[in-house]
Amino acid sequence: MAVADQHLDVPLRLDDHPGLFQAADQASLAGQRRFLHAVRARLTLSILAAVSAAFTVQSGPADWAAVVTALCFVGTLGVEVLVLRGRPSKTWYQGRALAESAKSLTWRYAVGGDPFPLELSPAEADKRFTLRLQALHTDFPDVQLLPTQAPAISEPMRALRQSALPERRRVYLLGRVDDQRSWYATKARFHQQRASLYRLGTIIFEITGIAVALSRALGLITFDLAGIVAAVIAAIAAWSATRQHDSTAEAYVVANHDLGLLRERLHHHTDDAWADAVADTEAAISREHSTWRSSHNE
């Protein structure tokens, strides 16, 4: 039964979420870092190979610039082998899917959303929640998780579930909907700025490529500077394709506005309709993540 006079000063923190969420979140972030570091390393080595290939450093019978070029390609190959063996992108994507699914279940349970309406007894709700978490873990066997001491159901989760509807609504709007909308807005702006920056960089290097190609045609320079510029342009394009700034920004803008509409609807739901309203909101968040995962999947 809801406790009418209970008031929670802070929404659910990430530390209040189940251990499965925390472990999956950490695994995903680690996979993302490893994957992006590997991409940066490959692109940097490719540019260095183009730079060294543009020059000749003769010492006896050996061309040391060519040796450096070969070493750069060996390094690129080594990074590629490590990526294929470790598959950090898979850990990133699947770990994020597991973490977001666990987070959604957590909020559904804590505020009495479907499939954990308050009509369930505490024991039945707890059993249903832990079974859902276990099923999630089974669905993502390739995500390597570190051990955790965090419980499956924290005391703040139980306290929020036992509070009255106005309190659950307040905390859900503040800690889940508003927090998610703010995250979408911040990330959308970040990706929009990055997309504009990389487009500008590409244009600058393309103009530079035209200039250096004409300079070599006129005999003003004798080494292959145009090849270096081409390698830089290719690296910018590859990095932009990896990060998918334009499509990601667009998806986050749409999700931000969709959540804004759902937020207004949540204000008017009674106890009878609350569980379904929360489920609709969580489904909207899940749709955005499913779109992200599809666009980034291997």
Protein backbone atom coordinates (compact mmCIF):
# COMPACT_ATOMS: atom_id res chain seq x y z
CA MET A 1 0.00 0.00 0.00
CA ALA A 2 1.26 3.49 -0.83
CA VAL A 3 2.49 5.68 1.99
CA ALA A 4 0.83 9.08 1.55
CA ASP A 5 3.18 11.21 3.61
CA GLN A 6 6.49 9.78 2.37
CA HIS A 7 8.70 12.24 0.48
CA LEU A 8 11.98 11.37 -1.21
CA ASP A 9 14.37 14.30 -1.37
CA VAL A 10 16.37 12.92 -4.31
CA PRO A 11 15.38 10.73 -7.26
CA LEU A 12 16.89 7.32 -7.78
CA ARG A 13 20.62 7.64 -8.27
CA LEU A 14 22.57 5.34 -10.54
CA ASP A 15 24.04 3.76 -7.42
CA ASP A 16 20.50 2.83 -6.38
CA HIS A 17 19.99 0.78 -9.54
CA PRO A 18 20.52 -3.01 -9.59
CA GLY A 19 24.02 -4.39 -9.75
CA LEU A 20 23.28 -5.77 -13.23
CA PHE A 21 22.73 -2.24 -14.53
CA GLN A 22 25.90 -0.91 -12.91
CA ALA A 23 28.05 -3.77 -14.21
CA ALA A 24 26.62 -3.54 -17.74
CA ASP A 25 27.04 0.24 -17.76
CA GLN A 26 30.71 -0.06 -16.77
CA ALA A 27 31.31 -2.81 -19.35
CA SER A 28 29.72 -0.71 -22.10
CA LEU A 29 31.75 2.39 -21.27
CA ALA A 30 34.96 0.34 -21.21
CA GLY A 31 34.12 -1.22 -24.58
CA GLN A 32 33.35 2.19 -26.05
CA ARG A 33 36.69 3.59 -24.88
CA ARG A 34 38.64 0.64 -26.29
CA PHE A 35 36.83 0.78 -29.62
CA LEU A 36 37.23 4.52 -30.14
CA HIS A 37 40.87 4.40 -29.07
CA ALA A 38 41.45 1.65 -31.66
CA VAL A 39 39.75 3.67 -34.42
CA ARG A 40 41.84 6.74 -33.54
CA ALA A 41 45.02 4.65 -33.58
CA ARG A 42 44.24 3.16 -37.01
CA LEU A 43 43.45 6.53 -38.55
CA THR A 44 46.49 8.20 -36.99
CA LEU A 45 48.80 5.44 -38.25
CA SER A 46 47.25 5.71 -41.73
CA ILE A 47 47.98 9.44 -41.84
CA LEU A 48 51.53 8.87 -40.60
CA ALA A 49 52.00 6.26 -43.33
CA ALA A 50 50.90 8.78 -45.94
CA VAL A 51 53.27 11.40 -44.51
CA SER A 52 56.29 9.10 -44.49
CA ALA A 53 55.44 7.79 -47.96
CA ALA A 54 55.63 11.34 -49.34
CA PHE A 55 59.33 11.63 -48.53
CA THR A 56 62.57 9.81 -49.22
CA VAL A 57 65.20 9.56 -46.49
CA GLN A 58 68.05 7.65 -48.06
CA SER A 59 70.82 6.23 -45.87
CA GLY A 60 72.98 3.79 -47.77
CA PRO A 61 70.82 1.28 -49.60
CA ALA A 62 67.81 1.80 -47.30
CA ASP A 63 65.01 4.33 -47.59
CA TRP A 64 64.13 4.96 -43.94
CA ALA A 65 60.97 6.83 -44.81
CA ALA A 66 59.74 3.68 -46.55
CA VAL A 67 60.65 1.68 -43.45
CA VAL A 68 58.55 4.04 -41.30
CA THR A 69 55.68 3.64 -43.78
CA ALA A 70 55.90 -0.13 -43.47
CA LEU A 71 55.95 0.07 -39.66
CA CYS A 72 52.85 2.27 -39.71
CA PHE A 73 51.02 -0.33 -41.79
CA VAL A 74 52.21 -3.08 -39.43
CA GLY A 75 50.83 -1.05 -36.53
CA THR A 76 47.52 -0.59 -38.34
CA LEU A 77 47.32 -4.32 -38.96
CA GLY A 78 48.11 -5.03 -35.31
CA VAL A 79 45.34 -2.74 -34.11
CA GLU A 80 42.90 -4.38 -36.54
CA VAL A 81 43.79 -7.84 -35.25
CA LEU A 82 43.27 -6.72 -31.64
CA VAL A 83 39.88 -5.24 -32.54
CA LEU A 84 38.79 -8.42 -34.32
CA ARG A 85 39.86 -10.55 -31.37
CA GLY A 86 38.47 -8.37 -28.60
CA ARG A 87 35.41 -7.00 -30.44
CA PRO A 88 35.11 -3.97 -28.13
CA SER A 89 32.32 -2.53 -30.28
CA LYS A 90 30.18 -5.57 -29.50
CA THR A 91 30.78 -5.07 -25.78
CA TRP A 92 29.88 -1.39 -26.19
CA TYR A 93 26.60 -1.99 -28.04
CA GLN A 94 25.38 -5.05 -26.17
CA GLY A 95 26.49 -3.70 -22.80
CA ARG A 96 24.56 -0.51 -23.46
CA ALA A 97 21.48 -2.48 -24.52
CA LEU A 98 21.66 -4.53 -21.32
CA ALA A 99 22.20 -1.47 -19.12
CA GLU A 100 19.36 0.52 -20.67
CA SER A 101 16.97 -2.43 -20.45
CA ALA A 102 17.83 -2.94 -16.78
CA LYS A 103 17.40 0.79 -16.14
CA SER A 104 13.97 0.77 -17.74
CA LEU A 105 12.88 -2.21 -15.64
CA THR A 106 14.17 -0.45 -12.53
CA TRP A 107 12.01 2.63 -13.10
CA ARG A 108 8.98 0.54 -14.02
CA TYR A 109 9.32 -1.37 -10.75
CA ALA A 110 10.10 1.65 -8.58
CA VAL A 111 7.13 3.78 -9.71
CA GLY A 112 4.61 0.98 -10.25
CA GLY A 113 4.69 0.86 -14.03
CA ASP A 114 3.66 -2.11 -16.12
CA PRO A 115 4.57 -5.01 -15.72
CA PHE A 116 4.93 -4.20 -12.00
CA PRO A 117 1.65 -2.47 -11.08
CA LEU A 118 0.96 -1.78 -7.43
CA GLU A 119 -1.83 -4.36 -7.48
CA LEU A 120 0.88 -6.98 -7.16
CA SER A 121 1.90 -8.05 -3.70
CA PRO A 122 5.43 -6.97 -2.67
CA ALA A 123 6.64 -10.57 -2.89
CA GLU A 124 5.12 -11.08 -6.35
CA ALA A 125 6.50 -7.76 -7.63
CA ASP A 126 9.99 -8.60 -6.35
CA LYS A 127 9.84 -12.07 -7.88
CA ARG A 128 8.67 -10.74 -11.25
CA PHE A 129 11.38 -8.07 -11.25
CA THR A 130 14.25 -10.43 -10.41
CA LEU A 131 13.05 -12.93 -13.04
CA ARG A 132 13.05 -10.15 -15.65
CA LEU A 133 16.59 -9.15 -14.66
CA GLN A 134 17.72 -12.76 -14.88
CA ALA A 135 16.17 -13.09 -18.34
CA LEU A 136 17.97 -9.92 -19.47
CA HIS A 137 21.29 -11.30 -18.28
CA THR A 138 20.61 -14.51 -20.20
CA ASP A 139 19.80 -12.55 -23.38
CA PHE A 140 23.28 -10.95 -23.41
CA PRO A 141 25.72 -13.76 -22.56
CA ASP A 142 28.63 -12.16 -24.45
CA VAL A 143 28.81 -9.09 -22.20
CA GLN A 144 31.65 -9.67 -19.75
CA LEU A 145 30.52 -8.23 -16.43
CA LEU A 146 32.58 -7.51 -13.36
CA PRO A 147 31.25 -8.69 -9.97
CA THR A 148 29.26 -6.22 -7.89
CA GLN A 149 27.96 -6.01 -4.34
CA ALA A 150 24.91 -3.94 -5.31
CA PRO A 151 21.56 -5.66 -4.58
CA ALA A 152 19.01 -6.47 -7.26
CA ILE A 153 16.45 -4.29 -5.46
CA SER A 154 17.77 -1.37 -3.43
CA GLU A 155 16.04 0.24 -0.48
CA PRO A 156 15.44 3.53 -2.39
CA MET A 157 13.65 1.48 -5.08
CA ARG A 158 11.40 -0.10 -2.45
CA ALA A 159 10.78 3.22 -0.71
CA LEU A 160 9.74 4.90 -3.94
CA ARG A 161 7.43 2.03 -4.85
CA GLN A 162 5.69 2.33 -1.47
CA SER A 163 5.07 6.08 -1.82
CA ALA A 164 1.84 7.69 -3.00
CA LEU A 165 1.14 8.46 -6.66
CA PRO A 166 1.94 12.21 -6.44
CA GLU A 167 5.37 11.38 -5.01
CA ARG A 168 6.05 8.62 -7.52
CA ARG A 169 4.97 10.96 -10.33
CA ARG A 170 7.21 13.76 -9.04
CA VAL A 171 10.26 11.53 -8.76
CA TYR A 172 9.62 9.82 -12.11
CA LEU A 173 9.23 13.13 -13.94
CA LEU A 174 12.32 14.60 -12.30
CA GLY A 175 14.63 11.62 -12.14
CA ARG A 176 13.70 9.77 -15.30
CA VAL A 177 11.81 11.90 -17.85
CA ASP A 178 13.47 15.29 -17.23
CA ASP A 179 16.88 13.72 -16.76
CA GLN A 180 16.53 11.75 -20.02
CA ARG A 181 15.27 14.80 -21.93
CA SER A 182 18.20 16.85 -20.65
CA TRP A 183 20.61 14.11 -21.70
CA TYR A 184 19.08 13.96 -25.18
CA ALA A 185 19.26 17.75 -25.56
CA THR A 186 22.88 17.94 -24.43
CA LYS A 187 23.99 15.06 -26.64
CA ALA A 188 22.03 16.39 -29.63
CA ARG A 189 23.83 19.73 -29.38
CA PHE A 190 27.18 17.96 -29.00
CA HIS A 191 26.66 15.83 -32.11
CA GLN A 192 25.32 18.78 -34.14
CA GLN A 193 28.41 20.82 -33.28
CA ARG A 194 30.74 17.93 -34.07
CA ALA A 195 29.02 17.28 -37.40
CA SER A 196 29.41 20.95 -38.39
CA LEU A 197 33.04 20.94 -37.26
CA TYR A 198 33.95 17.87 -39.33
CA ARG A 199 32.11 19.20 -42.39
CA LEU A 200 34.09 22.43 -42.11
CA GLY A 201 37.33 20.50 -41.68
CA THR A 202 36.58 18.39 -44.75
CA ILE A 203 35.91 21.49 -46.87
CA ILE A 204 39.13 23.15 -45.68
CA PHE A 205 41.25 20.10 -46.50
CA GLU A 206 39.53 19.63 -49.87
CA ILE A 207 40.40 23.21 -50.81
CA THR A 208 43.93 22.60 -49.54
CA GLY A 209 44.12 19.45 -51.67
CA ILE A 210 43.23 21.40 -54.79
CA ALA A 211 45.89 24.01 -54.00
CA VAL A 212 48.69 21.52 -53.33
CA ALA A 213 47.79 19.42 -56.40
CA LEU A 214 48.02 22.51 -58.61
CA SER A 215 51.27 23.51 -56.89
CA ARG A 216 52.83 20.17 -57.74
CA ALA A 217 51.53 20.40 -61.31
CA LEU A 218 53.28 23.75 -61.63
CA GLY A 219 56.46 22.40 -60.09
CA LEU A 220 56.23 24.53 -56.95
CA ILE A 221 56.50 21.44 -54.74
CA THR A 222 58.05 18.09 -55.56
CA PHE A 223 56.73 15.73 -52.88
CA ASP A 224 53.27 14.14 -52.61
CA LEU A 225 51.57 16.59 -50.25
CA ALA A 226 48.24 15.92 -51.99
CA GLY A 227 48.44 12.30 -50.83
CA ILE A 228 48.80 13.42 -47.23
CA VAL A 229 45.80 15.74 -47.58
CA ALA A 230 43.79 12.90 -49.13
CA ALA A 231 44.68 10.65 -46.19
CA VAL A 232 43.51 13.32 -43.72
CA ILE A 233 40.21 13.75 -45.61
CA ALA A 234 39.69 9.98 -45.60
CA ALA A 235 40.43 9.87 -41.85
CA ILE A 236 37.89 12.62 -41.13
CA ALA A 237 35.27 10.77 -43.20
CA ALA A 238 36.00 7.47 -41.43
CA TRP A 239 35.80 9.05 -37.98
CA SER A 240 32.54 10.83 -38.87
CA ALA A 241 31.09 7.53 -40.10
CA THR A 242 32.11 5.87 -36.85
CA ARG A 243 30.49 8.53 -34.68
CA GLN A 244 27.45 9.11 -36.96
CA HIS A 245 26.99 12.63 -35.64
CA ASP A 246 24.20 13.76 -37.99
CA SER A 247 21.92 10.72 -37.60
CA THR A 248 22.54 10.49 -33.86
CA ALA A 249 21.74 14.17 -33.32
CA GLU A 250 18.53 13.83 -35.31
CA ALA A 251 17.42 10.78 -33.31
CA TYR A 252 18.10 12.55 -30.00
CA VAL A 253 16.13 15.64 -31.06
CA VAL A 254 13.11 13.50 -31.98
CA ALA A 255 13.34 11.54 -28.72
CA ASN A 256 13.61 14.77 -26.71
CA HIS A 257 10.40 16.15 -28.23
CA ASP A 258 8.55 12.84 -27.92
CA LEU A 259 9.38 12.68 -24.22
CA GLY A 260 8.20 16.25 -23.80
CA LEU A 261 4.75 15.28 -25.09
CA LEU A 262 4.63 12.18 -22.92
CA ARG A 263 5.65 14.26 -19.90
CA GLU A 264 2.54 16.40 -20.23
CA ARG A 265 0.34 13.32 -20.44
CA LEU A 266 1.86 11.86 -17.28
CA HIS A 267 0.50 14.81 -15.27
CA HIS A 268 -3.10 13.74 -15.84
CA HIS A 269 -3.06 10.01 -15.24
CA THR A 270 -4.81 8.48 -12.25
CA ASP A 271 -3.77 5.38 -10.35
CA ASP A 272 -5.72 3.16 -12.75
CA ALA A 273 -3.89 4.43 -15.84
CA TRP A 274 -0.49 5.15 -14.29
CA ALA A 275 1.08 1.74 -14.93
CA ASP A 276 0.29 1.92 -18.66
CA ALA A 277 1.46 5.57 -18.89
CA VAL A 278 4.85 4.64 -17.45
CA ALA A 279 5.09 1.69 -19.84
CA ASP A 280 4.38 4.00 -22.81
CA THR A 281 7.09 6.41 -21.67
CA GLU A 282 9.64 3.65 -21.22
CA ALA A 283 8.70 2.24 -24.64
CA ALA A 284 9.47 5.63 -26.20
CA ILE A 285 12.91 5.68 -24.58
CA SER A 286 13.51 2.09 -25.68
CA ARG A 287 12.60 2.94 -29.28
CA GLU A 288 15.29 5.60 -29.39
CA HIS A 289 17.87 3.21 -28.01
CA SER A 290 16.82 0.47 -30.44
CA THR A 291 17.32 2.93 -33.31
CA TRP A 292 20.76 3.87 -31.96
CA ARG A 293 21.77 0.26 -31.57
CA SER A 294 20.61 -0.65 -35.09
CA SER A 295 22.57 2.22 -36.62
CA HIS A 296 25.75 1.30 -34.71
CA ASN A 297 25.54 -2.47 -34.88
CA GLU A 298 28.13 -4.47 -36.75
